[in-house]
């Protein structure tokens, strides 16, 4: 009787201990999985941030290039206008000189 009682306590003690160990192992495994998922999420967010920064830089560079081209076009138009104005003045001067010469 004493031996059976001891065995029951030991076996149930072992079973409880095994259940606790399994539960603990499952908890640790879940914590590790949660950590991996958080780490993967952080990595994904970092990659998305870097991509966003790169896209912003590319957009800013494109805008700078567009402004530069617009400024160059405006300067070219102004130079063309000035050249045409100078040509007309020279033509008027030439015509006036020819008229005076006659």
Protein backbone atom coordinates (compact mmCIF):
# COMPACT_ATOMS: atom_id res chain seq x y z
CA UNK A 1 0.00 0.00 0.00
CA UNK A 2 2.76 2.36 0.93
CA UNK A 3 4.68 1.44 -2.21
CA UNK A 4 1.60 1.97 -4.46
CA UNK A 5 0.91 5.32 -2.81
CA UNK A 6 4.50 6.36 -3.36
CA UNK A 7 4.39 5.24 -7.02
CA UNK A 8 1.13 7.16 -7.63
CA UNK A 9 2.59 10.28 -6.16
CA UNK A 10 5.76 9.84 -8.15
CA UNK A 11 3.99 9.03 -11.43
CA UNK A 12 1.49 11.86 -11.03
CA UNK A 13 4.35 14.05 -9.91
CA UNK A 14 6.24 13.04 -13.02
CA UNK A 15 3.20 13.60 -15.22
CA UNK A 16 2.61 17.02 -13.72
CA UNK A 17 6.28 17.81 -14.12
CA UNK A 18 6.21 16.63 -17.76
CA UNK A 19 3.09 18.72 -18.43
CA UNK A 20 4.76 21.73 -16.89
CA UNK A 21 7.88 21.14 -18.99
CA UNK A 22 5.81 20.79 -22.18
CA UNK A 23 3.86 23.93 -21.31
CA UNK A 24 7.08 25.78 -20.57
CA UNK A 25 8.66 24.57 -23.82
CA UNK A 26 5.58 25.68 -25.76
CA UNK A 27 5.66 29.07 -24.06
CA UNK A 28 9.36 29.52 -24.88
CA UNK A 29 8.73 28.41 -28.45
CA UNK A 30 5.88 30.91 -28.79
CA UNK A 31 8.04 33.68 -27.34
CA UNK A 32 10.81 32.86 -29.81
CA UNK A 33 8.30 32.90 -32.69
CA UNK A 34 6.90 36.23 -31.50
CA UNK A 35 10.45 37.62 -31.35
CA UNK A 36 11.17 36.37 -34.89
CA UNK A 37 7.94 37.93 -36.17
CA UNK A 38 8.68 41.27 -34.48
CA UNK A 39 12.19 41.20 -35.90
CA UNK A 40 10.88 40.41 -39.39
CA UNK A 41 8.33 43.23 -39.08
CA UNK A 42 11.04 45.68 -37.96
CA UNK A 43 13.21 44.58 -40.90
CA UNK A 44 10.30 45.03 -43.32
CA UNK A 45 9.52 48.47 -41.89
CA UNK A 46 13.19 49.49 -42.16
CA UNK A 47 13.29 48.35 -45.79
CA UNK A 48 10.09 50.27 -46.53
CA UNK A 49 11.54 53.35 -44.84
CA UNK A 50 14.75 53.13 -46.88
CA UNK A 51 12.71 52.68 -50.06
CA UNK A 52 10.59 55.69 -49.16
CA UNK A 53 13.69 57.79 -48.47
CA UNK A 54 15.16 56.72 -51.81
CA UNK A 55 11.92 57.57 -53.63
CA UNK A 56 11.83 60.99 -51.93
CA UNK A 57 15.42 61.67 -52.96
CA UNK A 58 14.72 60.62 -56.53
CA UNK A 59 11.61 62.83 -56.65
CA UNK A 60 13.56 65.80 -55.26
CA UNK A 61 16.35 65.23 -57.81
CA UNK A 62 13.79 65.05 -60.63
CA UNK A 63 12.17 68.28 -59.40
CA UNK A 64 15.59 70.00 -59.25
CA UNK A 65 16.34 68.82 -62.77
CA UNK A 66 12.92 70.02 -63.99
CA UNK A 67 13.51 73.45 -62.40
CA UNK A 68 16.97 73.64 -63.94
CA UNK A 69 15.60 72.79 -67.39
CA UNK A 70 12.81 75.35 -67.00
CA UNK A 71 15.34 78.02 -65.99
CA UNK A 72 17.56 77.14 -68.94
CA UNK A 73 14.57 77.30 -71.29
CA UNK A 74 13.56 80.69 -69.86
CA UNK A 75 17.12 81.98 -70.28
CA UNK A 76 17.25 80.72 -73.86
CA UNK A 77 13.93 82.41 -74.64
CA UNK A 78 15.13 85.66 -73.09
CA UNK A 79 18.38 85.48 -75.05
CA UNK A 80 16.43 84.80 -78.24
CA UNK A 81 14.17 87.78 -77.53
CA UNK A 82 17.19 90.00 -76.89
CA UNK A 83 18.87 88.78 -80.08
CA UNK A 84 15.72 89.51 -82.08
CA UNK A 85 15.41 92.95 -80.49
CA UNK A 86 19.06 93.69 -81.29
CA UNK A 87 18.58 92.48 -84.89
CA UNK A 88 15.54 94.74 -85.32
CA UNK A 89 17.46 97.72 -83.92
CA UNK A 90 20.35 97.01 -86.26
CA UNK A 91 17.92 96.75 -89.18
CA UNK A 92 16.29 100.05 -88.22
CA UNK A 93 19.69 101.71 -87.92
CA UNK A 94 20.74 100.36 -91.33
CA UNK A 95 17.53 101.54 -92.97
CA UNK A 96 17.88 104.98 -91.34
CA UNK A 97 21.49 105.24 -92.54
CA UNK A 98 20.51 104.22 -96.10
CA UNK A 99 17.70 106.79 -96.07
CA UNK A 100 20.10 109.54 -94.94
CA UNK A 101 22.62 108.55 -97.58
CA UNK A 102 20.08 109.10 -100.38
